[in-house]
Amino acid sequence: MEKDDGLDYLLSLHGSTVYRDDGYWWKVEVWEVKPTSFIPHGIRYSLTLHDKYNTRVFGIDNAHGIKLPKKGCYSGRMVYDHMHRTPHDKGYPYEFVSAAQLIEDFFVKSDEVIAQRENRG
């Protein structure tokens, strides 16, 4: 597996919690682990977005496996890379490409989630 240019940056974010002016905040936890069949890229991670009530409203992680529905291309398989699209979402598969892509996906989707939530009221 070739060197992931974003990995050092992602690892440097470990332990970061950033409070935004709009009341939302995000947290990054990431560390290197021995690659396994479930975590072939060798990093454990949790990137979460929270609202002003400290409720996680979006996140991408591989802290636990999710069992997929029996239908479709994944049919009942256990996957670790996934996202939580809402506060109540149990997890939806996320295709991990690279650390840099993970960072970009998290912040792009976080902005979308905040925009959606703020337009509701």
PDB file of N, CA and C in Angstrom:
ATOM      1  N   MET A   1       0.858  -1.187   0.000  1.00  0.00           N
ATOM      2  CA  MET A   1       0.000   0.000   0.000  1.00  0.00           C
ATOM      3  C   MET A   1       0.901   1.245   0.000  1.00  0.00           C
ATOM      4  N   GLU A   2       0.640   2.165  -0.900  1.00  0.00           N
ATOM      5  CA  GLU A   2       1.502   3.342  -0.981  1.00  0.00           C
ATOM      6  C   GLU A   2       1.214   4.328   0.145  1.00  0.00           C
ATOM      7  N   LYS A   3       2.179   5.198   0.383  1.00  0.00           N
ATOM      8  CA  LYS A   3       2.083   6.174   1.485  1.00  0.00           C
ATOM      9  C   LYS A   3       0.912   7.122   1.243  1.00  0.00           C
ATOM     10  N   ASP A   4       0.112   7.295   2.255  1.00  0.00           N
ATOM     11  CA  ASP A   4      -1.043   8.190   2.212  1.00  0.00           C
ATOM     12  C   ASP A   4      -0.567   9.572   2.678  1.00  0.00           C
ATOM     13  N   ASP A   5      -0.500  10.526   1.750  1.00  0.00           N
ATOM     14  CA  ASP A   5       0.028  11.854   2.064  1.00  0.00           C
ATOM     15  C   ASP A   5      -0.762  12.573   3.159  1.00  0.00           C
ATOM     16  N   GLY A   6      -2.038  12.287   3.297  1.00  0.00           N
ATOM     17  CA  GLY A   6      -2.847  12.955   4.303  1.00  0.00           C
ATOM     18  C   GLY A   6      -2.766  12.327   5.678  1.00  0.00           C
ATOM     19  N   LEU A   7      -2.101  11.173   5.779  1.00  0.00           N
ATOM     20  CA  LEU A   7      -2.091  10.439   7.039  1.00  0.00           C
ATOM     21  C   LEU A   7      -1.417  11.220   8.169  1.00  0.00           C
ATOM     22  N   ASP A   8      -0.272  11.822   7.902  1.00  0.00           N
ATOM     23  CA  ASP A   8       0.412  12.587   8.949  1.00  0.00           C
ATOM     24  C   ASP A   8      -0.462  13.738   9.438  1.00  0.00           C
ATOM     25  N   TYR A   9      -1.134  14.401   8.501  1.00  0.00           N
ATOM     26  CA  TYR A   9      -2.017  15.508   8.887  1.00  0.00           C
ATOM     27  C   TYR A   9      -3.186  14.988   9.719  1.00  0.00           C
ATOM     28  N   LEU A  10      -3.796  13.906   9.263  1.00  0.00           N
ATOM     29  CA  LEU A  10      -4.918  13.332  10.015  1.00  0.00           C
ATOM     30  C   LEU A  10      -4.465  12.942  11.418  1.00  0.00           C
ATOM     31  N   LEU A  11      -3.322  12.286  11.531  1.00  0.00           N
ATOM     32  CA  LEU A  11      -2.812  11.892  12.843  1.00  0.00           C
ATOM     33  C   LEU A  11      -2.526  13.113  13.721  1.00  0.00           C
ATOM     34  N   SER A  12      -2.115  14.221  13.096  1.00  0.00           N
ATOM     35  CA  SER A  12      -1.835  15.442  13.874  1.00  0.00           C
ATOM     36  C   SER A  12      -3.113  16.049  14.458  1.00  0.00           C
ATOM     37  N   LEU A  13      -4.271  15.687  13.890  1.00  0.00           N
ATOM     38  CA  LEU A  13      -5.557  16.198  14.386  1.00  0.00           C
ATOM     39  C   LEU A  13      -6.069  15.412  15.598  1.00  0.00           C
ATOM     40  N   HIS A  14      -5.421  14.285  15.911  1.00  0.00           N
ATOM     41  CA  HIS A  14      -5.894  13.440  17.017  1.00  0.00           C
ATOM     42  C   HIS A  14      -6.050  14.263  18.302  1.00  0.00           C
ATOM     43  N   GLY A  15      -7.201  14.122  18.918  1.00  0.00           N
ATOM     44  CA  GLY A  15      -7.467  14.832  20.166  1.00  0.00           C
ATOM     45  C   GLY A  15      -8.001  16.241  19.974  1.00  0.00           C
ATOM     46  N   SER A  16      -8.135  16.676  18.722  1.00  0.00           N
ATOM     47  CA  SER A  16      -8.634  18.036  18.458  1.00  0.00           C
ATOM     48  C   SER A  16     -10.133  18.127  18.695  1.00  0.00           C
ATOM     49  N   THR A  17     -10.533  19.189  19.356  1.00  0.00           N
ATOM     50  CA  THR A  17     -11.935  19.548  19.482  1.00  0.00           C
ATOM     51  C   THR A  17     -12.008  21.023  19.115  1.00  0.00           C
ATOM     52  N   VAL A  18     -12.847  21.345  18.144  1.00  0.00           N
ATOM     53  CA  VAL A  18     -12.948  22.725  17.673  1.00  0.00           C
ATOM     54  C   VAL A  18     -14.391  23.190  17.802  1.00  0.00           C
ATOM     55  N   TYR A  19     -14.568  24.306  18.503  1.00  0.00           N
ATOM     56  CA  TYR A  19     -15.896  24.892  18.694  1.00  0.00           C
ATOM     57  C   TYR A  19     -16.101  25.983  17.654  1.00  0.00           C
ATOM     58  N   ARG A  20     -17.173  25.865  16.895  1.00  0.00           N
ATOM     59  CA  ARG A  20     -17.487  26.834  15.846  1.00  0.00           C
ATOM     60  C   ARG A  20     -18.335  27.968  16.423  1.00  0.00           C
ATOM     61  N   ASP A  21     -18.326  29.088  15.720  1.00  0.00           N
ATOM     62  CA  ASP A  21     -19.105  30.259  16.159  1.00  0.00           C
ATOM     63  C   ASP A  21     -20.611  29.997  16.150  1.00  0.00           C
ATOM     64  N   ASP A  22     -21.064  29.042  15.337  1.00  0.00           N
ATOM     65  CA  ASP A  22     -22.506  28.786  15.223  1.00  0.00           C
ATOM     66  C   ASP A  22     -23.023  27.786  16.257  1.00  0.00           C
ATOM     67  N   GLY A  23     -22.186  27.372  17.199  1.00  0.00           N
ATOM     68  CA  GLY A  23     -22.624  26.456  18.254  1.00  0.00           C
ATOM     69  C   GLY A  23     -22.280  25.003  17.986  1.00  0.00           C
ATOM     70  N   TYR A  24     -21.969  24.666  16.752  1.00  0.00           N
ATOM     71  CA  TYR A  24     -21.565  23.298  16.437  1.00  0.00           C
ATOM     72  C   TYR A  24     -20.097  23.117  16.812  1.00  0.00           C
ATOM     73  N   TRP A  25     -19.697  21.869  17.040  1.00  0.00           N
ATOM     74  CA  TRP A  25     -18.294  21.577  17.311  1.00  0.00           C
ATOM     75  C   TRP A  25     -17.955  20.203  16.768  1.00  0.00           C
ATOM     76  N   TRP A  26     -16.678  20.038  16.470  1.00  0.00           N
ATOM     77  CA  TRP A  26     -16.236  18.747  15.947  1.00  0.00           C
ATOM     78  C   TRP A  26     -15.028  18.239  16.720  1.00  0.00           C
ATOM     79  N   LYS A  27     -14.882  16.906  16.656  1.00  0.00           N
ATOM     80  CA  LYS A  27     -13.820  16.238  17.402  1.00  0.00           C
ATOM     81  C   LYS A  27     -13.204  15.161  16.510  1.00  0.00           C
ATOM     82  N   VAL A  28     -11.884  15.026  16.595  1.00  0.00           N
ATOM     83  CA  VAL A  28     -11.168  14.007  15.821  1.00  0.00           C
ATOM     84  C   VAL A  28     -10.360  13.128  16.770  1.00  0.00           C
ATOM     85  N   GLU A  29     -10.529  11.825  16.616  1.00  0.00           N
ATOM     86  CA  GLU A  29      -9.704  10.848  17.316  1.00  0.00           C
ATOM     87  C   GLU A  29      -9.195   9.884  16.250  1.00  0.00           C
ATOM     88  N   VAL A  30      -7.890   9.701  16.185  1.00  0.00           N
ATOM     89  CA  VAL A  30      -7.313   8.808  15.171  1.00  0.00           C
ATOM     90  C   VAL A  30      -5.969   8.284  15.652  1.00  0.00           C
ATOM     91  N   TRP A  31      -5.718   7.028  15.408  1.00  0.00           N
ATOM     92  CA  TRP A  31      -4.440   6.450  15.765  1.00  0.00           C
ATOM     93  C   TRP A  31      -4.145   5.278  14.841  1.00  0.00           C
ATOM     94  N   GLU A  32      -2.854   4.992  14.686  1.00  0.00           N
ATOM     95  CA  GLU A  32      -2.436   3.886  13.834  1.00  0.00           C
ATOM     96  C   GLU A  32      -2.580   2.569  14.581  1.00  0.00           C
ATOM     97  N   VAL A  33      -2.992   1.545  13.840  1.00  0.00           N
ATOM     98  CA  VAL A  33      -3.120   0.192  14.379  1.00  0.00           C
ATOM     99  C   VAL A  33      -2.528  -0.771  13.354  1.00  0.00           C
ATOM    100  N   LYS A  34      -2.324  -1.981  13.778  1.00  0.00           N
ATOM    101  CA  LYS A  34      -1.853  -3.003  12.839  1.00  0.00           C
ATOM    102  C   LYS A  34      -2.977  -3.290  11.838  1.00  0.00           C
ATOM    103  N   PRO A  35      -2.681  -3.249  10.537  1.00  0.00           N
ATOM    104  CA  PRO A  35      -3.733  -3.534   9.550  1.00  0.00           C
ATOM    105  C   PRO A  35      -4.332  -4.930   9.750  1.00  0.00           C
ATOM    106  N   THR A  36      -5.646  -5.008   9.580  1.00  0.00           N
ATOM    107  CA  THR A  36      -6.366  -6.282   9.658  1.00  0.00           C
ATOM    108  C   THR A  36      -7.301  -6.353   8.457  1.00  0.00           C
ATOM    109  N   SER A  37      -8.012  -7.459   8.335  1.00  0.00           N
ATOM    110  CA  SER A  37      -8.966  -7.568   7.225  1.00  0.00           C
ATOM    111  C   SER A  37     -10.090  -6.542   7.372  1.00  0.00           C
ATOM    112  N   PHE A  38     -10.437  -6.185   8.603  1.00  0.00           N
ATOM    113  CA  PHE A  38     -11.487  -5.190   8.823  1.00  0.00           C
ATOM    114  C   PHE A  38     -10.955  -3.764   8.709  1.00  0.00           C
ATOM    115  N   ILE A  39      -9.677  -3.564   9.036  1.00  0.00           N
ATOM    116  CA  ILE A  39      -9.073  -2.231   8.994  1.00  0.00           C
ATOM    117  C   ILE A  39      -7.778  -2.316   8.175  1.00  0.00           C
ATOM    118  N   PRO A  40      -7.920  -2.531   6.860  1.00  0.00           N
ATOM    119  CA  PRO A  40      -6.735  -2.746   6.019  1.00  0.00           C
ATOM    120  C   PRO A  40      -5.834  -1.524   5.888  1.00  0.00           C
ATOM    121  N   HIS A  41      -6.380  -0.329   6.111  1.00  0.00           N
ATOM    122  CA  HIS A  41      -5.597   0.905   5.978  1.00  0.00           C
ATOM    123  C   HIS A  41      -4.784   1.208   7.231  1.00  0.00           C
ATOM    124  N   GLY A  42      -5.003   0.468   8.317  1.00  0.00           N
ATOM    125  CA  GLY A  42      -4.172   0.585   9.513  1.00  0.00           C
ATOM    126  C   GLY A  42      -4.419   1.814  10.382  1.00  0.00           C
ATOM    127  N   ILE A  43      -5.604   2.400  10.294  1.00  0.00           N
ATOM    128  CA  ILE A  43      -5.926   3.497  11.223  1.00  0.00           C
ATOM    129  C   ILE A  43      -7.316   3.294  11.801  1.00  0.00           C
ATOM    130  N   ARG A  44      -7.429   3.567  13.090  1.00  0.00           N
ATOM    131  CA  ARG A  44      -8.736   3.630  13.754  1.00  0.00           C
ATOM    132  C   ARG A  44      -9.070   5.101  13.842  1.00  0.00           C
ATOM    133  N   TYR A  45     -10.313   5.451  13.584  1.00  0.00           N
ATOM    134  CA  TYR A  45     -10.660   6.866  13.579  1.00  0.00           C
ATOM    135  C   TYR A  45     -12.116   7.089  13.950  1.00  0.00           C
ATOM    136  N   SER A  46     -12.357   8.287  14.459  1.00  0.00           N
ATOM    137  CA  SER A  46     -13.705   8.757  14.754  1.00  0.00           C
ATOM    138  C   SER A  46     -13.692  10.267  14.564  1.00  0.00           C
ATOM    139  N   LEU A  47     -14.418  10.743  13.559  1.00  0.00           N
ATOM    140  CA  LEU A  47     -14.556  12.173  13.299  1.00  0.00           C
ATOM    141  C   LEU A  47     -16.028  12.492  13.508  1.00  0.00           C
ATOM    142  N   THR A  48     -16.356  13.328  14.479  1.00  0.00           N
ATOM    143  CA  THR A  48     -17.750  13.570  14.818  1.00  0.00           C
ATOM    144  C   THR A  48     -18.079  15.055  14.861  1.00  0.00           C
ATOM    145  N   LEU A  49     -19.292  15.368  14.452  1.00  0.00           N
ATOM    146  CA  LEU A  49     -19.839  16.720  14.492  1.00  0.00           C
ATOM    147  C   LEU A  49     -20.977  16.716  15.501  1.00  0.00           C
ATOM    148  N   HIS A  50     -20.981  17.718  16.385  1.00  0.00           N
ATOM    149  CA  HIS A  50     -21.986  17.799  17.449  1.00  0.00           C
ATOM    150  C   HIS A  50     -22.686  19.153  17.390  1.00  0.00           C
ATOM    151  N   ASP A  51     -23.924  19.173  17.881  1.00  0.00           N
ATOM    152  CA  ASP A  51     -24.645  20.451  17.940  1.00  0.00           C
ATOM    153  C   ASP A  51     -24.429  21.104  19.310  1.00  0.00           C
ATOM    154  N   LYS A  52     -25.081  22.245  19.533  1.00  0.00           N
ATOM    155  CA  LYS A  52     -24.864  22.994  20.779  1.00  0.00           C
ATOM    156  C   LYS A  52     -25.387  22.254  22.005  1.00  0.00           C
ATOM    157  N   TYR A  53     -26.185  21.198  21.786  1.00  0.00           N
ATOM    158  CA  TYR A  53     -26.690  20.384  22.894  1.00  0.00           C
ATOM    159  C   TYR A  53     -25.790  19.159  23.127  1.00  0.00           C
ATOM    160  N   ASN A  54     -24.642  19.131  22.464  1.00  0.00           N
ATOM    161  CA  ASN A  54     -23.667  18.039  22.548  1.00  0.00           C
ATOM    162  C   ASN A  54     -24.155  16.727  21.951  1.00  0.00           C
ATOM    163  N   THR A  55     -25.142  16.799  21.066  1.00  0.00           N
ATOM    164  CA  THR A  55     -25.633  15.614  20.368  1.00  0.00           C
ATOM    165  C   THR A  55     -24.815  15.410  19.101  1.00  0.00           C
ATOM    166  N   ARG A  56     -24.330  14.196  18.900  1.00  0.00           N
ATOM    167  CA  ARG A  56     -23.632  13.909  17.639  1.00  0.00           C
ATOM    168  C   ARG A  56     -24.653  13.949  16.512  1.00  0.00           C
ATOM    169  N   VAL A  57     -24.443  14.825  15.554  1.00  0.00           N
ATOM    170  CA  VAL A  57     -25.376  14.959  14.438  1.00  0.00           C
ATOM    171  C   VAL A  57     -24.825  14.352  13.150  1.00  0.00           C
ATOM    172  N   PHE A  58     -23.517  14.059  13.126  1.00  0.00           N
ATOM    173  CA  PHE A  58     -22.891  13.422  11.976  1.00  0.00           C
ATOM    174  C   PHE A  58     -21.547  12.859  12.410  1.00  0.00           C
ATOM    175  N   GLY A  59     -21.142  11.776  11.794  1.00  0.00           N
ATOM    176  CA  GLY A  59     -19.821  11.243  12.101  1.00  0.00           C
ATOM    177  C   GLY A  59     -19.387  10.205  11.093  1.00  0.00           C
ATOM    178  N   ILE A  60     -18.082  10.047  10.970  1.00  0.00           N
ATOM    179  CA  ILE A  60     -17.493   8.975  10.168  1.00  0.00           C
ATOM    180  C   ILE A  60     -16.505   8.272  11.091  1.00  0.00           C
ATOM    181  N   ASP A  61     -16.638   6.947  11.180  1.00  0.00           N
ATOM    182  CA  ASP A  61     -15.724   6.227  12.061  1.00  0.00           C
ATOM    183  C   ASP A  61     -15.589   4.771  11.660  1.00  0.00           C
ATOM    184  N   ASN A  62     -14.661   4.101  12.322  1.00  0.00           N
ATOM    185  CA  ASN A  62     -14.546   2.649  12.212  1.00  0.00           C
ATOM    186  C   ASN A  62     -14.315   2.059  13.599  1.00  0.00           C
ATOM    187  N   ALA A  63     -14.919   2.693  14.595  1.00  0.00           N
ATOM    188  CA  ALA A  63     -14.754   2.275  15.982  1.00  0.00           C
ATOM    189  C   ALA A  63     -15.485   0.976  16.282  1.00  0.00           C
ATOM    190  N   HIS A  64     -16.453   0.626  15.459  1.00  0.00           N
ATOM    191  CA  HIS A  64     -17.212  -0.609  15.636  1.00  0.00           C
ATOM    192  C   HIS A  64     -17.712  -1.053  14.276  1.00  0.00           C
ATOM    193  N   GLY A  65     -17.978  -2.320  14.150  1.00  0.00           N
ATOM    194  CA  GLY A  65     -18.515  -2.831  12.894  1.00  0.00           C
ATOM    195  C   GLY A  65     -20.012  -2.617  12.815  1.00  0.00           C
ATOM    196  N   ILE A  66     -20.506  -2.513  11.600  1.00  0.00           N
ATOM    197  CA  ILE A  66     -21.958  -2.461  11.396  1.00  0.00           C
ATOM    198  C   ILE A  66     -22.329  -3.613  10.478  1.00  0.00           C
ATOM    199  N   LYS A  67     -23.430  -4.250  10.783  1.00  0.00           N
ATOM    200  CA  LYS A  67     -23.914  -5.336   9.948  1.00  0.00           C
ATOM    201  C   LYS A  67     -24.832  -4.728   8.905  1.00  0.00           C
ATOM    202  N   LEU A  68     -24.585  -5.088   7.678  1.00  0.00           N
ATOM    203  CA  LEU A  68     -25.334  -4.493   6.583  1.00  0.00           C
ATOM    204  C   LEU A  68     -26.611  -5.263   6.289  1.00  0.00           C
ATOM    205  N   PRO A  69     -27.563  -4.594   5.644  1.00  0.00           N
ATOM    206  CA  PRO A  69     -28.817  -5.270   5.299  1.00  0.00           C
ATOM    207  C   PRO A  69     -28.564  -6.516   4.456  1.00  0.00           C
ATOM    208  N   LYS A  70     -29.519  -7.407   4.469  1.00  0.00           N
ATOM    209  CA  LYS A  70     -29.363  -8.658   3.740  1.00  0.00           C
ATOM    210  C   LYS A  70     -29.490  -8.464   2.227  1.00  0.00           C
ATOM    211  N   LYS A  71     -29.967  -7.302   1.796  1.00  0.00           N
ATOM    212  CA  LYS A  71     -30.136  -7.035   0.364  1.00  0.00           C
ATOM    213  C   LYS A  71     -28.989  -6.181  -0.155  1.00  0.00           C
ATOM    214  N   GLY A  72     -28.795  -6.229  -1.450  1.00  0.00           N
ATOM    215  CA  GLY A  72     -27.806  -5.349  -2.070  1.00  0.00           C
ATOM    216  C   GLY A  72     -26.431  -5.970  -2.173  1.00  0.00           C
ATOM    217  N   CYS A  73     -25.482  -5.157  -2.634  1.00  0.00           N
ATOM    218  CA  CYS A  73     -24.144  -5.674  -2.941  1.00  0.00           C
ATOM    219  C   CYS A  73     -23.358  -6.070  -1.701  1.00  0.00           C
ATOM    220  N   TYR A  74     -23.695  -5.567  -0.532  1.00  0.00           N
ATOM    221  CA  TYR A  74     -22.947  -5.919   0.681  1.00  0.00           C
ATOM    222  C   TYR A  74     -23.569  -7.104   1.417  1.00  0.00           C
ATOM    223  N   SER A  75     -24.810  -7.393   1.172  1.00  0.00           N
ATOM    224  CA  SER A  75     -25.625  -8.454   1.756  1.00  0.00           C
ATOM    225  C   SER A  75     -25.111  -9.112   3.034  1.00  0.00           C
ATOM    226  N   GLY A  76     -25.443  -8.471   4.151  1.00  0.00           N
ATOM    227  CA  GLY A  76     -25.194  -9.053   5.466  1.00  0.00           C
ATOM    228  C   GLY A  76     -23.754  -9.043   5.951  1.00  0.00           C
ATOM    229  N   ARG A  77     -22.853  -8.455   5.184  1.00  0.00           N
ATOM    230  CA  ARG A  77     -21.440  -8.393   5.567  1.00  0.00           C
ATOM    231  C   ARG A  77     -21.223  -7.420   6.713  1.00  0.00           C
ATOM    232  N   MET A  78     -20.166  -7.621   7.466  1.00  0.00           N
ATOM    233  CA  MET A  78     -19.781  -6.701   8.531  1.00  0.00           C
ATOM    234  C   MET A  78     -18.751  -5.741   7.947  1.00  0.00           C
ATOM    235  N   VAL A  79     -18.989  -4.438   8.097  1.00  0.00           N
ATOM    236  CA  VAL A  79     -18.010  -3.453   7.654  1.00  0.00           C
ATOM    237  C   VAL A  79     -17.689  -2.530   8.822  1.00  0.00           C
ATOM    238  N   TYR A  80     -16.490  -2.000   8.814  1.00  0.00           N
ATOM    239  CA  TYR A  80     -16.074  -1.117   9.902  1.00  0.00           C
ATOM    240  C   TYR A  80     -16.113   0.349   9.485  1.00  0.00           C
ATOM    241  N   ASP A  81     -15.665   0.679   8.283  1.00  0.00           N
ATOM    242  CA  ASP A  81     -15.700   2.073   7.837  1.00  0.00           C
ATOM    243  C   ASP A  81     -17.159   2.435   7.541  1.00  0.00           C
ATOM    244  N   HIS A  82     -17.669   3.423   8.270  1.00  0.00           N
ATOM    245  CA  HIS A  82     -19.072   3.801   8.072  1.00  0.00           C
ATOM    246  C   HIS A  82     -19.291   5.234   8.550  1.00  0.00           C
ATOM    247  N   MET A  83     -20.469   5.753   8.214  1.00  0.00           N
ATOM    248  CA  MET A  83     -20.840   7.083   8.684  1.00  0.00           C
ATOM    249  C   MET A  83     -22.197   7.019   9.360  1.00  0.00           C
ATOM    250  N   HIS A  84     -22.387   7.955  10.276  1.00  0.00           N
ATOM    251  CA  HIS A  84     -23.681   8.140  10.930  1.00  0.00           C
ATOM    252  C   HIS A  84     -24.225   9.454  10.372  1.00  0.00           C
ATOM    253  N   ARG A  85     -25.274   9.365   9.556  1.00  0.00           N
ATOM    254  CA  ARG A  85     -25.768  10.536   8.822  1.00  0.00           C
ATOM    255  C   ARG A  85     -26.712  11.403   9.640  1.00  0.00           C
ATOM    256  N   THR A  86     -27.238  10.858  10.729  1.00  0.00           N
ATOM    257  CA  THR A  86     -28.150  11.598  11.605  1.00  0.00           C
ATOM    258  C   THR A  86     -27.838  11.183  13.046  1.00  0.00           C
ATOM    259  N   PRO A  87     -28.430  11.867  14.029  1.00  0.00           N
ATOM    260  CA  PRO A  87     -28.190  11.463  15.422  1.00  0.00           C
ATOM    261  C   PRO A  87     -28.622  10.028  15.727  1.00  0.00           C
ATOM    262  N   HIS A  88     -29.572   9.477  14.954  1.00  0.00           N
ATOM    263  CA  HIS A  88     -30.123   8.156  15.255  1.00  0.00           C
ATOM    264  C   HIS A  88     -29.677   7.078  14.275  1.00  0.00           C
ATOM    265  N   ASP A  89     -28.905   7.446  13.263  1.00  0.00           N
ATOM    266  CA  ASP A  89     -28.436   6.514  12.248  1.00  0.00           C
ATOM    267  C   ASP A  89     -27.458   5.513  12.870  1.00  0.00           C
ATOM    268  N   LYS A  90     -27.732   4.218  12.687  1.00  0.00           N
ATOM    269  CA  LYS A  90     -26.874   3.165  13.248  1.00  0.00           C
ATOM    270  C   LYS A  90     -25.603   2.967  12.431  1.00  0.00           C
ATOM    271  N   GLY A  91     -25.558   3.539  11.239  1.00  0.00           N
ATOM    272  CA  GLY A  91     -24.360   3.438  10.412  1.00  0.00           C
ATOM    273  C   GLY A  91     -24.680   3.055   8.981  1.00  0.00           C
ATOM    274  N   TYR A  92     -23.946   3.671   8.074  1.00  0.00           N
ATOM    275  CA  TYR A  92     -24.088   3.445   6.640  1.00  0.00           C
ATOM    276  C   TYR A  92     -22.669   3.291   6.091  1.00  0.00           C
ATOM    277  N   PRO A  93     -22.432   2.317   5.208  1.00  0.00           N
ATOM    278  CA  PRO A  93     -21.063   2.080   4.747  1.00  0.00           C
ATOM    279  C   PRO A  93     -20.384   3.330   4.186  1.00  0.00           C
ATOM    280  N   TYR A  94     -19.126   3.489   4.534  1.00  0.00           N
ATOM    281  CA  TYR A  94     -18.288   4.569   4.015  1.00  0.00           C
ATOM    282  C   TYR A  94     -17.095   3.919   3.337  1.00  0.00           C
ATOM    283  N   GLU A  95     -16.808   4.324   2.113  1.00  0.00           N
ATOM    284  CA  GLU A  95     -15.677   3.748   1.397  1.00  0.00           C
ATOM    285  C   GLU A  95     -14.419   4.553   1.701  1.00  0.00           C
ATOM    286  N   PHE A  96     -13.556   3.986   2.528  1.00  0.00           N
ATOM    287  CA  PHE A  96     -12.311   4.650   2.871  1.00  0.00           C
ATOM    288  C   PHE A  96     -11.375   4.566   1.677  1.00  0.00           C
ATOM    289  N   VAL A  97     -10.921   5.744   1.186  1.00  0.00           N
ATOM    290  CA  VAL A  97     -10.002   5.823   0.057  1.00  0.00           C
ATOM    291  C   VAL A  97      -8.617   6.225   0.548  1.00  0.00           C
ATOM    292  N   SER A  98      -8.563   7.279   1.367  1.00  0.00           N
ATOM    293  CA  SER A  98      -7.305   7.774   1.910  1.00  0.00           C
ATOM    294  C   SER A  98      -7.613   8.673   3.102  1.00  0.00           C
ATOM    295  N   ALA A  99      -6.580   8.968   3.882  1.00  0.00           N
ATOM    296  CA  ALA A  99      -6.759   9.870   5.019  1.00  0.00           C
ATOM    297  C   ALA A  99      -7.170  11.258   4.540  1.00  0.00           C
ATOM    298  N   ALA A 100      -6.534  11.731   3.463  1.00  0.00           N
ATOM    299  CA  ALA A 100      -6.874  13.057   2.927  1.00  0.00           C
ATOM    300  C   ALA A 100      -8.329  13.099   2.483  1.00  0.00           C
ATOM    301  N   GLN A 101      -8.798  12.034   1.831  1.00  0.00           N
ATOM    302  CA  GLN A 101     -10.193  11.994   1.373  1.00  0.00           C
ATOM    303  C   GLN A 101     -11.144  11.926   2.559  1.00  0.00           C
ATOM    304  N   LEU A 102     -10.778  11.211   3.600  1.00  0.00           N
ATOM    305  CA  LEU A 102     -11.595  11.130   4.818  1.00  0.00           C
ATOM    306  C   LEU A 102     -11.792  12.524   5.413  1.00  0.00           C
ATOM    307  N   ILE A 103     -10.706  13.279   5.528  1.00  0.00           N
ATOM    308  CA  ILE A 103     -10.785  14.638   6.075  1.00  0.00           C
ATOM    309  C   ILE A 103     -11.706  15.496   5.219  1.00  0.00           C
ATOM    310  N   GLU A 104     -11.504  15.448   3.903  1.00  0.00           N
ATOM    311  CA  GLU A 104     -12.338  16.253   2.996  1.00  0.00           C
ATOM    312  C   GLU A 104     -13.801  15.839   3.092  1.00  0.00           C
ATOM    313  N   ASP A 105     -14.065  14.531   3.047  1.00  0.00           N
ATOM    314  CA  ASP A 105     -15.448  14.044   3.128  1.00  0.00           C
ATOM    315  C   ASP A 105     -16.109  14.486   4.420  1.00  0.00           C
ATOM    316  N   PHE A 106     -15.385  14.411   5.530  1.00  0.00           N
ATOM    317  CA  PHE A 106     -15.963  14.789   6.822  1.00  0.00           C
ATOM    318  C   PHE A 106     -16.362  16.266   6.836  1.00  0.00           C
ATOM    319  N   PHE A 107     -15.474  17.143   6.400  1.00  0.00           N
ATOM    320  CA  PHE A 107     -15.783  18.569   6.480  1.00  0.00           C
ATOM    321  C   PHE A 107     -16.808  19.019   5.443  1.00  0.00           C
ATOM    322  N   VAL A 108     -16.782  18.437   4.252  1.00  0.00           N
ATOM    323  CA  VAL A 108     -17.794  18.768   3.239  1.00  0.00           C
ATOM    324  C   VAL A 108     -19.173  18.332   3.736  1.00  0.00           C
ATOM    325  N   LYS A 109     -19.268  17.099   4.218  1.00  0.00           N
ATOM    326  CA  LYS A 109     -20.560  16.581   4.682  1.00  0.00           C
ATOM    327  C   LYS A 109     -21.016  17.312   5.951  1.00  0.00           C
ATOM    328  N   SER A 110     -20.078  17.678   6.829  1.00  0.00           N
ATOM    329  CA  SER A 110     -20.444  18.434   8.035  1.00  0.00           C
ATOM    330  C   SER A 110     -21.100  19.751   7.653  1.00  0.00           C
ATOM    331  N   ASP A 111     -20.512  20.451   6.688  1.00  0.00           N
ATOM    332  CA  ASP A 111     -21.104  21.709   6.227  1.00  0.00           C
ATOM    333  C   ASP A 111     -22.501  21.483   5.666  1.00  0.00           C
ATOM    334  N   GLU A 112     -22.694  20.393   4.912  1.00  0.00           N
ATOM    335  CA  GLU A 112     -24.019  20.075   4.353  1.00  0.00           C
ATOM    336  C   GLU A 112     -25.024  19.793   5.472  1.00  0.00           C
ATOM    337  N   VAL A 113     -24.605  19.029   6.465  1.00  0.00           N
ATOM    338  CA  VAL A 113     -25.498  18.685   7.579  1.00  0.00           C
ATOM    339  C   VAL A 113     -25.915  19.944   8.340  1.00  0.00           C
ATOM    340  N   ILE A 114     -24.972  20.821   8.602  1.00  0.00           N
ATOM    341  CA  ILE A 114     -25.286  22.068   9.322  1.00  0.00           C
ATOM    342  C   ILE A 114     -26.238  22.915   8.479  1.00  0.00           C
ATOM    343  N   ALA A 115     -25.978  23.034   7.197  1.00  0.00           N
ATOM    344  CA  ALA A 115     -26.848  23.836   6.323  1.00  0.00           C
ATOM    345  C   ALA A 115     -28.274  23.270   6.332  1.00  0.00           C
ATOM    346  N   GLN A 116     -28.399  21.960   6.233  1.00  0.00           N
ATOM    347  CA  GLN A 116     -29.715  21.317   6.263  1.00  0.00           C
ATOM    348  C   GLN A 116     -30.423  21.574   7.579  1.00  0.00           C
ATOM    349  N   ARG A 117     -29.726  21.382   8.672  1.00  0.00           N
ATOM    350  CA  ARG A 117     -30.327  21.559  10.001  1.00  0.00           C
ATOM    351  C   ARG A 117     -30.735  23.004  10.236  1.00  0.00           C
ATOM    352  N   GLU A 118     -29.940  23.945   9.795  1.00  0.00           N
ATOM    353  CA  GLU A 118     -30.232  25.366  10.040  1.00  0.00           C
ATOM    354  C   GLU A 118     -31.361  25.881   9.142  1.00  0.00           C
ATOM    355  N   ASN A 119     -31.583  25.255   8.018  1.00  0.00           N
ATOM    356  CA  ASN A 119     -32.665  25.683   7.110  1.00  0.00           C
ATOM    357  C   ASN A 119     -34.011  25.114   7.531  1.00  0.00           C
ATOM    358  N   ARG A 120     -33.995  24.151   8.450  1.00  0.00           N
ATOM    359  CA  ARG A 120     -35.233  23.518   8.896  1.00  0.00           C
ATOM    360  C   ARG A 120     -36.123  24.455   9.708  1.00  0.00           C
ATOM    361  N   GLY A 121     -35.485  25.241  10.566  1.00  0.00           N
ATOM    362  CA  GLY A 121     -36.231  26.051  11.505  1.00  0.00           C
ATOM    363  C   GLY A 121     -36.891  27.197  10.904  1.00  0.00           C
TER     364      GLY A 121
END
